[in-house]
Protein backbone atom coordinates (compact mmCIF):
# COMPACT_ATOMS: atom_id res chain seq x y z
CA MET A 1 -24.70 5.84 -4.61
CA GLN A 2 -22.07 8.32 -5.76
CA LEU A 3 -18.32 7.87 -5.32
CA GLN A 4 -16.76 10.81 -3.49
CA LEU A 5 -14.10 12.32 -5.76
CA ARG A 6 -12.43 14.46 -3.11
CA PRO A 7 -11.68 12.02 -0.30
CA ASP A 8 -10.03 14.61 1.90
CA GLY A 9 -11.04 17.88 0.25
CA ARG A 10 -7.48 18.79 -0.77
CA GLN A 11 -7.75 18.08 -4.49
CA SER A 12 -8.30 21.17 -6.63
CA ASP A 13 -10.56 21.15 -9.68
CA THR A 14 -7.41 21.28 -11.83
CA ALA A 15 -5.87 18.28 -10.06
CA LEU A 16 -9.09 16.30 -10.48
CA MET A 17 -9.14 17.16 -14.18
CA VAL A 18 -5.53 15.97 -14.60
CA GLN A 19 -6.32 12.85 -12.56
CA ARG A 20 -9.23 11.97 -14.85
CA GLY A 21 -7.29 12.45 -18.07
CA THR A 22 -4.25 10.60 -16.76
CA GLY A 23 -6.43 7.77 -15.50
CA ARG A 24 -7.93 7.37 -18.94
CA LEU A 25 -4.46 7.24 -20.50
CA LEU A 26 -3.25 4.60 -18.07
CA ARG A 27 -6.39 2.47 -18.45
CA ALA A 28 -5.98 2.58 -22.24
CA ALA A 29 -2.36 1.43 -21.74
CA GLY A 30 -3.54 -1.63 -19.78
CA PHE A 31 -3.08 -0.39 -16.21
CA ALA A 32 -5.48 -0.85 -13.32
CA ILE A 33 -5.26 2.36 -11.32
CA LEU A 34 -5.99 3.72 -7.87
CA PRO A 35 -5.95 7.40 -6.98
CA GLU A 36 -4.73 8.57 -3.57
CA PHE A 37 -2.80 5.40 -2.74
CA THR A 38 -1.02 5.37 0.63
CA LEU A 39 2.45 3.85 0.65
CA THR A 40 4.00 2.16 3.70
CA THR A 41 5.84 5.41 4.46
CA GLY A 42 2.50 7.15 4.95
CA ARG A 43 3.06 9.21 1.79
CA ARG A 44 0.20 9.26 -0.67
CA ALA A 45 0.76 8.76 -4.38
CA ASP A 46 -1.72 10.71 -6.51
CA ILE A 47 -2.13 7.76 -8.90
CA ILE A 48 -0.64 4.29 -8.85
CA GLY A 49 -1.08 1.81 -11.68
CA VAL A 50 -0.30 -1.88 -12.11
CA ASN A 51 -0.39 -3.64 -15.48
CA ASP A 52 -0.69 -7.32 -16.41
CA ALA A 53 3.10 -7.71 -16.43
CA GLY A 54 3.26 -6.46 -12.83
CA GLN A 55 4.85 -3.14 -13.76
CA ILE A 56 4.08 -0.40 -11.24
CA TRP A 57 3.86 3.24 -12.24
CA ILE A 58 3.32 6.18 -9.91
CA VAL A 59 2.04 9.50 -11.19
CA GLU A 60 2.43 12.69 -9.16
CA ILE A 61 -0.05 15.38 -10.21
CA LYS A 62 1.07 18.99 -10.17
CA SER A 63 -1.65 21.56 -10.81
CA SER A 64 0.44 24.74 -10.52
CA VAL A 65 3.97 26.08 -10.16
CA GLY A 66 3.33 26.63 -6.45
CA ASP A 67 2.11 23.06 -6.04
CA PHE A 68 5.37 21.79 -7.55
CA ARG A 69 7.68 24.13 -5.63
CA CYS A 70 6.23 23.33 -2.20
CA ASP A 71 6.40 19.56 -2.73
CA THR A 72 9.48 17.80 -1.42
CA LYS A 73 8.04 14.29 -0.99
CA TRP A 74 7.94 13.04 -4.59
CA PRO A 75 11.54 11.68 -4.74
CA GLU A 76 10.50 9.09 -2.11
CA TYR A 77 8.08 7.55 -4.60
CA ARG A 78 10.96 6.19 -6.68
CA ASP A 79 11.43 3.35 -4.19
CA TYR A 80 7.88 2.08 -4.86
CA CYS A 81 7.57 1.98 -8.64
CA ASP A 82 9.16 0.96 -11.92
CA ARG A 83 8.49 4.37 -13.46
CA LEU A 84 7.72 7.75 -11.92
CA PHE A 85 5.80 10.39 -13.86
CA PHE A 86 4.56 13.91 -13.30
CA ALA A 87 1.17 14.78 -14.78
CA ILE A 88 0.39 18.42 -15.40
CA PRO A 89 -2.38 20.44 -17.06
CA THR A 90 -1.85 22.00 -20.47
CA SER A 91 -1.62 25.42 -18.79
CA LEU A 92 1.55 24.55 -16.86
CA ASP A 93 5.01 24.99 -18.40
CA PRO A 94 6.55 21.51 -18.80
CA ALA A 95 10.06 23.00 -18.49
CA ILE A 96 9.73 23.23 -14.70
CA MET A 97 9.33 19.47 -14.29
CA PRO A 98 12.43 17.40 -13.45
CA ASP A 99 14.10 15.75 -16.45
CA ASP A 100 14.68 12.46 -14.62
CA ALA A 101 10.95 11.72 -14.28
CA GLY A 102 8.40 11.00 -16.96
CA LEU A 103 6.00 13.70 -18.07
CA ILE A 104 2.30 13.47 -18.88
CA ILE A 105 0.19 16.38 -20.10
CA ALA A 106 -3.50 15.96 -19.38
CA ASP A 107 -6.91 17.54 -19.57
CA SER A 108 -10.21 16.08 -18.41
CA TRP A 109 -10.65 14.07 -21.63
CA GLY A 110 -7.32 12.34 -21.87
CA ALA A 111 -3.55 12.68 -21.70
CA ASP A 112 -0.33 12.12 -23.60
CA ILE A 113 3.02 10.86 -22.39
CA ILE A 114 5.49 13.52 -23.45
CA ARG A 115 8.54 11.90 -21.87
CA HIS A 116 9.09 8.35 -20.63
CA PRO A 117 11.34 8.03 -17.59
CA GLU A 118 14.16 5.59 -17.27
CA ALA A 119 12.98 2.33 -15.70
CA LEU A 120 13.83 1.96 -12.03
CA ALA A 121 14.95 -1.32 -10.47
CA LEU A 122 12.14 -2.16 -8.06
CA HIS A 123 13.23 -4.90 -5.66
CA THR A 124 11.19 -8.12 -5.88
CA SER A 125 10.07 -8.02 -2.24
CA ARG A 126 9.00 -4.37 -2.57
CA ARG A 127 7.09 -5.19 -5.78
CA LYS A 128 5.23 -7.97 -3.96
CA ALA A 129 4.41 -5.72 -1.00
CA VAL A 130 3.17 -2.85 -3.20
CA THR A 131 1.12 -5.20 -5.39
CA LEU A 132 -0.51 -6.80 -2.34
CA ALA A 133 -1.26 -3.37 -0.82
CA PHE A 134 -2.72 -2.26 -4.17
CA ALA A 135 -4.99 -5.33 -4.32
CA ARG A 136 -6.18 -4.86 -0.73
CA ALA A 137 -6.85 -1.14 -1.21
CA ALA A 138 -8.80 -1.81 -4.42
CA ALA A 139 -10.88 -4.57 -2.80
CA LEU A 140 -11.63 -2.45 0.28
CA ARG A 141 -12.69 0.51 -1.87
CA LEU A 142 -14.94 -1.71 -3.96
CA HIS A 143 -16.50 -3.21 -0.85
CA GLY A 144 -17.08 0.29 0.49
CA LEU A 145 -19.05 1.13 -2.66
CA TYR A 146 -21.49 -1.75 -2.44
CA ASP A 147 -21.69 -1.83 1.37
CA PRO A 148 -20.88 1.65 2.71
CA MET A 149 -22.04 0.74 6.23
CA ALA A 150 -19.50 -2.09 6.61
CA GLU A 151 -16.63 -1.63 9.03
């Protein structure tokens, strides 16, 4: 069985490359991650990670200047994480990314955090809700891998 890497067909090859490298960075930093995580608002975070301390990071992947300029949803992610990052490929100019978010530069082999964002004050009830949603999404995805015919 093979895991489908493009769940809805919208991810470009560049975005998938950045996702892989960023995922490796976050795993090495002690985070469990999920790509394409739907928040209660219906918005989808490109990557969400939770570490052992319960810290929640969201990473928004931008694969091109056009991808960044047409996106107006990313500020909403701040209400659902302790730190918000942008992850971009090495070919994209980091100067276009907002200064008030973290910055990750990635390729398909790995990534580096270039700028850490200021920590946000995630409310305790929101942290609990996001953590529970993360756990349920992870469990449902895992179940779908070993029993794809389950409803």
